[in-house]
Amino acid sequence: MKETIKTIKEQVSIDLKNVSNLKELMDLKVEYLGKKGKVVEIGQQIGKLDVSEKKEVGMLLNDLKNHINTLFDELTLKLESDALEQKLKDEWIDITLPSTKVNVGTTHPLTKVIDEIEELFISMGYDVVEGPEIESDLYNFEKLNLAKDHPARDMQDSFYITAEMLLRTQTSPVQARTMDANVEKGPIRIICPGKVYRKDDDDMTHSHQFTQIEGLVVDENISVAHLKGTLEILVRKMFGNEREIRFRPSFFPFTEPSLEVDVSCFKCGGSGCPLCKQTGWIEILGSGMVHPNVLRACGYDPEKYSGFAFGMGPERIAMLKYGINDIRHFYTNNINFLDNFDRLEREMEDESK
């Protein structure tokens, strides 16, 4: 048996010289050290030996196992290194070749404007609230002080689904829903971004689908001064710190008084130009103090609470801010428009630095 162990030790060295890859190495390892391998077979025969021989043969067998494992480990490292080197050669890439251009998406201008406005109002303690785009007549009109026969309904030609359900014409229903859901009838400070729908003919300045962001604050002792201060912060964030605002009387059924808001022209500085139609001012949004009837319809006591509301179109703000002349660009998925906008945005950022 000693001779057998010596022969195996010599033979394994010879066999390893003929191994050229890891698969052959693993097969050879099974041949010697597997469950039915040559080394295991010798171990099974030790029990037949005399007591005097068992110890010596056992030591020789352990030495053989250690020797074989050492040889296999050394060769494994060498073969793995050789395989890696060959793979690097086979998969070599010429990095001097021109790369393939990959089109990378950009942030849509409407998304950017909405994100900027949301970020501003969140920093002022407002919550961002959303609601259903398929709305009931109750929330879209009646709770906003527009009864069934109210003439102001003619101002908004609507997409009705049934006699009582329609595609919302504004995001104001979200405000009514929020006030209704406020069981404790405590203070509210929210903005409501989302899509709205009206039967407009699509052209350069109109679309049957567009976006709105409306804001609502309800609390005790809220006044026009709070509204003015809030909108000044908004205007200066979106159009520059030197901008001024002015209020003009208007009419909205859900506010009283109702006010149109203009911003001083950011192109001519107020001296008059084609953009502001030589007036020095540009209309950007509507606002006003929440009508007592709206507060009452949503469970608030108008003797205790007051509030202000405002609404703006991100499309209009984006068109003014970035010089976009056709609202249809926002919805036609024109990659050239989005690329141009991305380039314009970077130029504006460089100028502001």
Foldseek 3Di string as FASTA:
>chain_A
DLVLLVVVLVVLVVCVVPDDADVSLVVVCCQDPNCPHPLVVVVVCLVVDDPVCSVVVVVSSVVSVVSNVVVSVVVVVVRVVVVVVVVCVVPPDDPVDDDDDDDDFDDFLLNVLVVLVVVVLVVVVAAEDEDDQWDFCCLLAVLLQHDPPRPCVVVFAFAAPDPTIGGRAARNSRVLVVLLPPVVNAWHWYKYKDKGAGPDDFDQPDDRIFMKIKIKTKHFPDDVVVVLVVVLVVCCSLQNNVKDKDWDFDDDSFAPRKTWIKIFQSPPRQCADVVCNGRRIDTFWIKHKGDCSSCVSSPHHPVGMIMMMIMGTSLVSSCRRQVPRGSCVSPPPDVVVSVVSVVSVVVVVVVVD
